Amino acid sequence: MVQDKIIKKDCITMDLPTNPEYVSVARLTVSAISNTIGFNVEEIEDIKIALSEACANAIRHSQKDTFSLHFEVEDGKLTIQVSDQGVGFDAKEVKEPVVEEMKESGLGFFIIESLMDEVKIDSEVGKGTKIRMSKFLEDNK
């Protein structure tokens, strides 16, 4: 009889106010989790920047009082979901930025996708937004 490999998954969930002052709580949390998994300093900085961008989007665009963070640690992989129950948007309308036309706002998704290994963005007008992003340890890519 062949047994399936049991994969241990640790989860941490938190709700934060849509106040920029609390992004540091999210960054400290993900830094500690990433360090525990074994990511190096450079990878941890990339994860923190991606998380900051996702939090900034929820704070700036959700028009709600709180947003949620969900961290999953599983077999050399960190997955982070930032979600809100806000106004949402039509994800099909998000276009990749053109370098010659870059402006300060509108680069968040591009930055997240460039720093993380997997990114999925789900949003629907009137139902909120979920950004799910994962980073793998080098040994697990």
N, C-alpha and C. Protein backbone atom coordinates (compact mmCIF):
# COMPACT_ATOMS: atom_id res chain seq x y z
N MET A 1 0.84 -1.18 0.00
CA MET A 1 0.00 0.00 0.00
C MET A 1 0.89 1.25 0.00
N VAL A 2 0.65 2.17 -0.92
CA VAL A 2 1.42 3.40 -1.02
C VAL A 2 0.72 4.49 -0.22
N GLN A 3 1.49 5.15 0.65
CA GLN A 3 0.93 6.23 1.44
C GLN A 3 1.25 7.56 0.79
N ASP A 4 0.28 8.46 0.81
CA ASP A 4 0.51 9.81 0.31
C ASP A 4 1.40 10.55 1.29
N LYS A 5 2.25 11.39 0.74
CA LYS A 5 3.10 12.23 1.57
C LYS A 5 2.24 13.26 2.29
N ILE A 6 2.39 13.35 3.59
CA ILE A 6 1.65 14.33 4.37
C ILE A 6 2.45 15.62 4.40
N ILE A 7 1.83 16.68 3.92
CA ILE A 7 2.50 17.98 3.90
C ILE A 7 1.92 18.82 5.03
N LYS A 8 2.82 19.27 5.89
CA LYS A 8 2.42 20.10 7.02
C LYS A 8 2.28 21.54 6.53
N LYS A 9 1.15 22.14 6.88
CA LYS A 9 0.91 23.52 6.49
C LYS A 9 0.59 24.33 7.75
N ASP A 10 1.35 25.39 7.98
CA ASP A 10 1.08 26.31 9.08
C ASP A 10 0.42 27.55 8.50
N CYS A 11 -0.61 28.05 9.19
CA CYS A 11 -1.35 29.22 8.72
C CYS A 11 -1.44 30.28 9.82
N ILE A 12 -1.30 31.51 9.39
CA ILE A 12 -1.47 32.66 10.28
C ILE A 12 -2.38 33.64 9.55
N THR A 13 -3.40 34.12 10.26
CA THR A 13 -4.34 35.06 9.67
C THR A 13 -4.47 36.27 10.58
N MET A 14 -4.57 37.44 9.98
CA MET A 14 -4.76 38.66 10.77
C MET A 14 -5.55 39.68 9.96
N ASP A 15 -6.30 40.48 10.66
CA ASP A 15 -7.00 41.61 10.06
C ASP A 15 -6.32 42.89 10.54
N LEU A 16 -6.13 43.81 9.62
CA LEU A 16 -5.50 45.09 9.94
C LEU A 16 -6.39 46.24 9.51
N PRO A 17 -6.31 47.35 10.22
CA PRO A 17 -7.04 48.55 9.79
C PRO A 17 -6.44 49.07 8.48
N THR A 18 -7.28 49.69 7.66
CA THR A 18 -6.78 50.29 6.42
C THR A 18 -6.13 51.64 6.73
N ASN A 19 -5.07 51.56 7.50
CA ASN A 19 -4.30 52.71 7.93
C ASN A 19 -2.84 52.39 7.59
N PRO A 20 -2.18 53.23 6.81
CA PRO A 20 -0.79 52.95 6.40
C PRO A 20 0.17 52.67 7.56
N GLU A 21 -0.14 53.17 8.75
CA GLU A 21 0.74 52.95 9.89
C GLU A 21 0.85 51.47 10.27
N TYR A 22 -0.13 50.66 9.87
CA TYR A 22 -0.13 49.25 10.24
C TYR A 22 0.58 48.36 9.22
N VAL A 23 1.02 48.92 8.11
CA VAL A 23 1.78 48.11 7.14
C VAL A 23 3.06 47.58 7.78
N SER A 24 3.62 48.32 8.71
CA SER A 24 4.84 47.86 9.40
C SER A 24 4.57 46.57 10.18
N VAL A 25 3.37 46.40 10.71
CA VAL A 25 3.01 45.16 11.42
C VAL A 25 3.04 43.99 10.44
N ALA A 26 2.48 44.21 9.25
CA ALA A 26 2.49 43.17 8.22
C ALA A 26 3.93 42.84 7.80
N ARG A 27 4.75 43.87 7.62
CA ARG A 27 6.14 43.66 7.21
C ARG A 27 6.95 42.90 8.27
N LEU A 28 6.76 43.26 9.53
CA LEU A 28 7.45 42.56 10.62
C LEU A 28 7.01 41.10 10.70
N THR A 29 5.73 40.87 10.53
CA THR A 29 5.20 39.51 10.58
C THR A 29 5.78 38.66 9.45
N VAL A 30 5.73 39.16 8.23
CA VAL A 30 6.23 38.38 7.10
C VAL A 30 7.75 38.21 7.18
N SER A 31 8.45 39.18 7.73
CA SER A 31 9.90 39.06 7.91
C SER A 31 10.23 37.91 8.85
N ALA A 32 9.51 37.84 9.97
CA ALA A 32 9.75 36.76 10.94
C ALA A 32 9.41 35.40 10.35
N ILE A 33 8.28 35.31 9.65
CA ILE A 33 7.89 34.04 9.03
C ILE A 33 8.91 33.62 7.98
N SER A 34 9.30 34.55 7.12
CA SER A 34 10.25 34.25 6.04
C SER A 34 11.60 33.81 6.58
N ASN A 35 12.05 34.44 7.64
CA ASN A 35 13.31 34.07 8.28
C ASN A 35 13.23 32.66 8.86
N THR A 36 12.11 32.34 9.47
CA THR A 36 11.92 31.01 10.06
C THR A 36 11.97 29.91 9.00
N ILE A 37 11.41 30.20 7.82
CA ILE A 37 11.40 29.22 6.72
C ILE A 37 12.81 29.00 6.17
N GLY A 38 13.62 30.08 6.18
CA GLY A 38 14.98 29.95 5.67
C GLY A 38 15.30 30.81 4.47
N PHE A 39 14.45 31.79 4.16
CA PHE A 39 14.76 32.71 3.08
C PHE A 39 15.95 33.58 3.47
N ASN A 40 16.75 33.97 2.48
CA ASN A 40 17.88 34.84 2.76
C ASN A 40 17.41 36.30 2.85
N VAL A 41 18.31 37.17 3.26
CA VAL A 41 17.97 38.57 3.50
C VAL A 41 17.40 39.24 2.25
N GLU A 42 17.99 38.99 1.11
CA GLU A 42 17.52 39.59 -0.14
C GLU A 42 16.11 39.12 -0.49
N GLU A 43 15.86 37.83 -0.33
CA GLU A 43 14.53 37.29 -0.60
C GLU A 43 13.49 37.86 0.37
N ILE A 44 13.88 38.00 1.63
CA ILE A 44 12.97 38.57 2.63
C ILE A 44 12.61 40.01 2.27
N GLU A 45 13.58 40.77 1.81
CA GLU A 45 13.30 42.16 1.39
C GLU A 45 12.33 42.19 0.21
N ASP A 46 12.52 41.28 -0.76
CA ASP A 46 11.60 41.20 -1.90
C ASP A 46 10.18 40.88 -1.43
N ILE A 47 10.05 39.93 -0.52
CA ILE A 47 8.74 39.53 0.01
C ILE A 47 8.10 40.71 0.73
N LYS A 48 8.89 41.42 1.53
CA LYS A 48 8.35 42.57 2.28
C LYS A 48 7.87 43.68 1.34
N ILE A 49 8.60 43.92 0.27
CA ILE A 49 8.19 44.95 -0.69
C ILE A 49 6.90 44.53 -1.39
N ALA A 50 6.82 43.27 -1.83
CA ALA A 50 5.61 42.79 -2.49
C ALA A 50 4.40 42.88 -1.56
N LEU A 51 4.59 42.48 -0.31
CA LEU A 51 3.51 42.56 0.67
C LEU A 51 3.10 44.02 0.90
N SER A 52 4.06 44.91 1.00
CA SER A 52 3.77 46.33 1.20
C SER A 52 2.93 46.89 0.06
N GLU A 53 3.26 46.50 -1.16
CA GLU A 53 2.49 46.95 -2.33
C GLU A 53 1.06 46.43 -2.28
N ALA A 54 0.89 45.16 -1.92
CA ALA A 54 -0.45 44.59 -1.84
C ALA A 54 -1.27 45.27 -0.73
N CYS A 55 -0.63 45.52 0.40
CA CYS A 55 -1.31 46.23 1.50
C CYS A 55 -1.69 47.64 1.08
N ALA A 56 -0.79 48.32 0.40
CA ALA A 56 -1.06 49.69 -0.06
C ALA A 56 -2.27 49.73 -0.99
N ASN A 57 -2.40 48.72 -1.84
CA ASN A 57 -3.56 48.66 -2.73
C ASN A 57 -4.85 48.52 -1.94
N ALA A 58 -4.85 47.64 -0.93
CA ALA A 58 -6.04 47.45 -0.10
C ALA A 58 -6.38 48.72 0.66
N ILE A 59 -5.37 49.37 1.20
CA ILE A 59 -5.58 50.60 1.97
C ILE A 59 -6.10 51.72 1.06
N ARG A 60 -5.49 51.86 -0.09
CA ARG A 60 -5.81 52.97 -0.99
C ARG A 60 -7.14 52.79 -1.72
N HIS A 61 -7.46 51.55 -2.10
CA HIS A 61 -8.58 51.36 -3.03
C HIS A 61 -9.81 50.64 -2.47
N SER A 62 -9.69 49.97 -1.34
CA SER A 62 -10.83 49.14 -0.89
C SER A 62 -12.02 49.96 -0.39
N GLN A 63 -11.75 51.11 0.18
CA GLN A 63 -12.78 51.95 0.78
C GLN A 63 -13.49 51.23 1.94
N LYS A 64 -12.76 50.38 2.64
CA LYS A 64 -13.26 49.67 3.82
C LYS A 64 -12.37 50.00 5.00
N ASP A 65 -12.80 49.60 6.19
CA ASP A 65 -12.05 49.90 7.41
C ASP A 65 -10.94 48.90 7.71
N THR A 66 -11.04 47.68 7.16
CA THR A 66 -10.04 46.65 7.43
C THR A 66 -9.73 45.86 6.16
N PHE A 67 -8.62 45.15 6.20
CA PHE A 67 -8.27 44.17 5.17
C PHE A 67 -7.63 42.99 5.88
N SER A 68 -7.53 41.86 5.20
CA SER A 68 -7.05 40.63 5.82
C SER A 68 -5.76 40.14 5.19
N LEU A 69 -4.93 39.55 6.04
CA LEU A 69 -3.70 38.90 5.60
C LEU A 69 -3.77 37.44 6.01
N HIS A 70 -3.36 36.57 5.11
CA HIS A 70 -3.32 35.15 5.41
C HIS A 70 -1.97 34.62 4.92
N PHE A 71 -1.21 34.04 5.82
CA PHE A 71 0.11 33.49 5.50
C PHE A 71 0.04 31.98 5.60
N GLU A 72 0.54 31.27 4.60
CA GLU A 72 0.63 29.82 4.62
C GLU A 72 2.09 29.41 4.41
N VAL A 73 2.57 28.56 5.32
CA VAL A 73 3.92 28.02 5.21
C VAL A 73 3.76 26.54 4.92
N GLU A 74 4.34 26.11 3.80
CA GLU A 74 4.13 24.74 3.38
C GLU A 74 5.32 24.25 2.57
N ASP A 75 6.07 23.32 3.12
CA ASP A 75 7.11 22.60 2.39
C ASP A 75 8.00 23.52 1.54
N GLY A 76 8.67 24.49 2.18
CA GLY A 76 9.60 25.36 1.46
C GLY A 76 8.94 26.43 0.63
N LYS A 77 7.70 26.75 0.93
CA LYS A 77 6.95 27.74 0.16
C LYS A 77 6.18 28.63 1.12
N LEU A 78 6.20 29.93 0.85
CA LEU A 78 5.41 30.89 1.60
C LEU A 78 4.37 31.47 0.65
N THR A 79 3.11 31.37 1.05
CA THR A 79 2.02 31.97 0.27
C THR A 79 1.35 33.02 1.15
N ILE A 80 1.13 34.18 0.57
CA ILE A 80 0.51 35.30 1.27
C ILE A 80 -0.72 35.71 0.47
N GLN A 81 -1.82 35.88 1.19
CA GLN A 81 -3.02 36.41 0.54
C GLN A 81 -3.43 37.70 1.25
N VAL A 82 -3.56 38.75 0.48
CA VAL A 82 -4.05 40.03 0.98
C VAL A 82 -5.43 40.21 0.35
N SER A 83 -6.44 40.35 1.20
CA SER A 83 -7.80 40.46 0.66
C SER A 83 -8.59 41.55 1.36
N ASP A 84 -9.52 42.10 0.61
CA ASP A 84 -10.43 43.09 1.16
C ASP A 84 -11.81 42.83 0.60
N GLN A 85 -12.79 43.37 1.26
CA GLN A 85 -14.19 43.25 0.83
C GLN A 85 -14.66 44.58 0.24
N GLY A 86 -13.75 45.26 -0.42
CA GLY A 86 -14.00 46.62 -0.90
C GLY A 86 -14.66 46.69 -2.25
N VAL A 87 -14.39 47.79 -2.94
CA VAL A 87 -15.08 48.10 -4.19
C VAL A 87 -14.64 47.22 -5.36
N GLY A 88 -13.45 46.65 -5.30
CA GLY A 88 -12.96 45.79 -6.37
C GLY A 88 -12.74 46.54 -7.67
N PHE A 89 -12.38 45.79 -8.71
CA PHE A 89 -12.14 46.37 -10.03
C PHE A 89 -12.21 45.25 -11.05
N ASP A 90 -12.24 45.61 -12.30
CA ASP A 90 -12.23 44.63 -13.38
C ASP A 90 -10.78 44.27 -13.67
N ALA A 91 -10.36 43.10 -13.24
CA ALA A 91 -8.96 42.68 -13.38
C ALA A 91 -8.51 42.63 -14.83
N LYS A 92 -9.44 42.45 -15.76
CA LYS A 92 -9.08 42.40 -17.18
C LYS A 92 -8.60 43.74 -17.71
N GLU A 93 -8.94 44.81 -17.00
CA GLU A 93 -8.56 46.15 -17.44
C GLU A 93 -7.15 46.55 -17.01
N VAL A 94 -6.51 45.75 -16.15
CA VAL A 94 -5.16 46.06 -15.69
C VAL A 94 -4.17 45.68 -16.79
N LYS A 95 -3.43 46.66 -17.24
CA LYS A 95 -2.45 46.44 -18.31
C LYS A 95 -1.04 46.56 -17.75
N GLU A 96 -0.12 45.84 -18.37
CA GLU A 96 1.28 45.95 -17.96
C GLU A 96 1.77 47.36 -18.29
N PRO A 97 2.50 47.99 -17.35
CA PRO A 97 2.94 49.37 -17.59
C PRO A 97 3.96 49.46 -18.73
N VAL A 98 3.91 50.57 -19.43
CA VAL A 98 4.87 50.87 -20.49
C VAL A 98 5.96 51.72 -19.86
N VAL A 99 7.22 51.29 -20.01
CA VAL A 99 8.35 51.96 -19.36
C VAL A 99 8.38 53.46 -19.66
N GLU A 100 8.14 53.83 -20.90
CA GLU A 100 8.20 55.23 -21.29
C GLU A 100 7.09 56.07 -20.66
N GLU A 101 6.02 55.41 -20.21
CA GLU A 101 4.87 56.13 -19.66
C GLU A 101 4.71 55.90 -18.16
N MET A 102 5.75 55.43 -17.50
CA MET A 102 5.64 55.10 -16.08
C MET A 102 5.33 56.33 -15.25
N LYS A 103 4.44 56.10 -14.28
CA LYS A 103 4.11 57.13 -13.31
C LYS A 103 4.18 56.49 -11.94
N GLU A 104 4.06 57.30 -10.91
CA GLU A 104 4.25 56.81 -9.55
C GLU A 104 3.20 55.78 -9.16
N SER A 105 1.94 56.00 -9.50
CA SER A 105 0.90 55.05 -9.13
C SER A 105 0.68 54.06 -10.27
N GLY A 106 0.08 52.92 -9.94
CA GLY A 106 -0.24 51.94 -10.96
C GLY A 106 0.83 50.89 -11.20
N LEU A 107 1.90 50.91 -10.44
CA LEU A 107 2.98 49.95 -10.64
C LEU A 107 2.92 48.78 -9.65
N GLY A 108 2.01 48.81 -8.70
CA GLY A 108 1.97 47.83 -7.62
C GLY A 108 1.94 46.39 -8.09
N PHE A 109 1.01 46.06 -9.00
CA PHE A 109 0.90 44.68 -9.47
C PHE A 109 2.15 44.26 -10.23
N PHE A 110 2.70 45.18 -11.02
CA PHE A 110 3.93 44.89 -11.78
C PHE A 110 5.09 44.57 -10.82
N ILE A 111 5.20 45.35 -9.75
CA ILE A 111 6.26 45.13 -8.76
C ILE A 111 6.07 43.79 -8.07
N ILE A 112 4.84 43.51 -7.64
CA ILE A 112 4.55 42.24 -6.97
C ILE A 112 4.91 41.06 -7.87
N GLU A 113 4.49 41.12 -9.13
CA GLU A 113 4.77 40.02 -10.07
C GLU A 113 6.25 39.86 -10.35
N SER A 114 7.01 40.94 -10.29
CA SER A 114 8.44 40.83 -10.56
C SER A 114 9.23 40.28 -9.36
N LEU A 115 8.67 40.39 -8.14
CA LEU A 115 9.38 39.97 -6.94
C LEU A 115 8.99 38.59 -6.43
N MET A 116 7.80 38.13 -6.77
CA MET A 116 7.31 36.85 -6.26
C MET A 116 7.34 35.80 -7.37
N ASP A 117 7.30 34.52 -6.98
CA ASP A 117 7.37 33.43 -7.95
C ASP A 117 6.02 33.14 -8.61
N GLU A 118 4.95 33.27 -7.85
CA GLU A 118 3.60 33.06 -8.37
C GLU A 118 2.71 34.18 -7.84
N VAL A 119 1.86 34.71 -8.70
CA VAL A 119 0.93 35.76 -8.29
C VAL A 119 -0.41 35.52 -8.98
N LYS A 120 -1.48 35.61 -8.20
CA LYS A 120 -2.82 35.51 -8.75
C LYS A 120 -3.64 36.64 -8.16
N ILE A 121 -4.29 37.39 -9.03
CA ILE A 121 -5.11 38.52 -8.60
C ILE A 121 -6.55 38.25 -9.00
N ASP A 122 -7.42 38.22 -8.01
CA ASP A 122 -8.85 38.06 -8.24
C ASP A 122 -9.55 39.30 -7.72
N SER A 123 -10.36 39.90 -8.57
CA SER A 123 -11.13 41.06 -8.13
C SER A 123 -12.41 41.12 -8.94
N GLU A 124 -13.43 41.61 -8.28
CA GLU A 124 -14.71 41.79 -8.95
C GLU A 124 -15.33 43.07 -8.40
N VAL A 125 -15.84 43.87 -9.29
CA VAL A 125 -16.44 45.14 -8.90
C VAL A 125 -17.53 44.87 -7.86
N GLY A 126 -17.43 45.57 -6.73
CA GLY A 126 -18.41 45.45 -5.65
C GLY A 126 -18.18 44.30 -4.70
N LYS A 127 -17.18 43.44 -4.99
CA LYS A 127 -16.95 42.26 -4.14
C LYS A 127 -15.55 42.17 -3.56
N GLY A 128 -14.70 43.12 -3.85
CA GLY A 128 -13.38 43.13 -3.25
C GLY A 128 -12.29 42.54 -4.12
N THR A 129 -11.11 42.45 -3.52
CA THR A 129 -9.90 42.01 -4.23
C THR A 129 -9.10 41.05 -3.37
N LYS A 130 -8.53 40.02 -4.02
CA LYS A 130 -7.61 39.09 -3.37
C LYS A 130 -6.34 39.03 -4.20
N ILE A 131 -5.24 39.26 -3.54
CA ILE A 131 -3.93 39.09 -4.18
C ILE A 131 -3.26 37.93 -3.47
N ARG A 132 -2.99 36.87 -4.19
CA ARG A 132 -2.35 35.68 -3.64
C ARG A 132 -0.98 35.54 -4.29
N MET A 133 0.06 35.54 -3.47
CA MET A 133 1.42 35.51 -4.01
C MET A 133 2.26 34.50 -3.25
N SER A 134 3.13 33.82 -3.96
CA SER A 134 3.96 32.78 -3.34
C SER A 134 5.41 32.98 -3.69
N LYS A 135 6.26 32.56 -2.76
CA LYS A 135 7.71 32.56 -2.95
C LYS A 135 8.23 31.22 -2.50
N PHE A 136 9.10 30.60 -3.31
CA PHE A 136 9.67 29.31 -3.00
C PHE A 136 11.11 29.46 -2.55
N LEU A 137 11.52 28.61 -1.61
CA LEU A 137 12.94 28.53 -1.29
C LEU A 137 13.66 28.02 -2.53
N GLU A 138 14.88 28.42 -2.73
CA GLU A 138 15.65 28.03 -3.93
C GLU A 138 15.61 26.52 -4.17
N ASP A 139 15.68 25.73 -3.11
CA ASP A 139 15.70 24.27 -3.25
C ASP A 139 14.38 23.72 -3.77
N ASN A 140 13.30 24.49 -3.67
CA ASN A 140 11.97 24.00 -4.04
C ASN A 140 11.43 24.59 -5.33
N LYS A 141 12.26 25.32 -6.09
CA LYS A 141 11.80 25.91 -7.35
C LYS A 141 11.78 24.87 -8.43
